[in-house]
């Protein structure tokens, strides 16, 4: 019995106890969601089915979707009601927090753990119910959490830690699930490729498991892009959602993807982005005395605040500023029908350059820089690539889920590495714990009332 208790203590460390408590409350709240829209469509597909849900999802591959593993999970969860959905979402929240901690803050302690839970609870709730609680959460949030978990072996190999047989199996299964989502597959493939190069070239290692995971992710990509229904679905979705899509040039499509992605990042009052940018600016002020660096660090949080939560107050001083924040035209910013579109795109890109500069300044070494830039570039590219899909506007905000988690990972990594270098570290950690606790409570309240209203 004593060995069993010791084993439990090893598993449920103080860090994981925080994650477990947050995940349980998160799951209990989600047990009360109401199914609607796509949830009802998926439920109708499995109601009265005599075959297994896995076989049903596999049968759908030829005509409906390449997301076999995601859909089989969705069918299973829907067939067991909202209690099963809440339990699964709670499990995935725990996986998400644990994966972010293992990847970006393995020695985070109580301060780092609270910050991770804080950032996770600031996850935009609209990304959980966009087209239905089950259809959106299981397809995007839950799948991305498994995808992030599949990256943990890279960090363990980098740190020289051993990986058990059962862990290899778990991470491989997590990869199979995570890479079944097209956007997450792109991020995972880039991360595994980058890790393979960095570990081989700079650490002089031969990470065989990382090589295998890279090949498995590439195989998943082939599985997705050779889906028999790709051509038919493109034609059907073009006719239904975007009849003039075929008239757009490659530049127009790239413009749509990039401009809609940048606008969501900077002008949609995303609290988790504002918090991360605020901490980044604080760390720049603490680490550098350069007036240029400090000025650059203030620009991104100032823009996201003035053009987001405080837009109405900003318009009183600058009446024409709302043209910068207005919706992206259907054909993108650089089009004949877009007034001052090119200048809007340039301004947004300049702000992103400032953010990129901050990331580089706050990274400690080439490995951390490579990790941050890989997540930033591939996360943004996975969403911007939707400019080449006729459903770019019909898909809603759920397509920002992968990018959101990538940004969360970058923020956690920079927070963890830079707080260790502060001159008044103890004071900062006390304040950050209070902020994190308040943010976690806010996240629960926000989720609770959203569940009640939706």
Foldseek 3Di string as FASTA:
>chain_A
DVVVVVVVCVVCPVLLVLLLVLLVLQLVLQLLFDWDAVLVVLQVQPVPDPDQLLVVLVVCLQAHALLSVLSSVLNVQSVVGRNSVSVLSSVLSSLQLVLLCLQFPVPQPPLLSLVSLLLSLLQPCCLCQVRTNSVRCSQFVSLVSLLSNLCNVLSCVVVVHDDDPVRLVSSLVSLVSNLSRPLSLLLSLLSLVLSCCCCCPPVVDHPPSSVVSNVVSVVSNVSRVVRNNPVVVQVVLCVVQPVCLVVADPVLLLQVLQVVLLLCLQQALSPSSLVLLVVLLVLQVQPDPDPVLNVLSVVRSVRSCCRYVVVVVNCVVVVPCVLLNDDADPRHLPDPPHDCSVVSSVVSVSNVVSVLVSLVVLDDDPVLNSLLVSLQVSLSCSRSVCSSGSCNPVVPDNSNSSNSSSVSSSSSNSVNVSLVVGPPNVVVSVVSSVVSVVSSVVSSVVSSVVSVVD
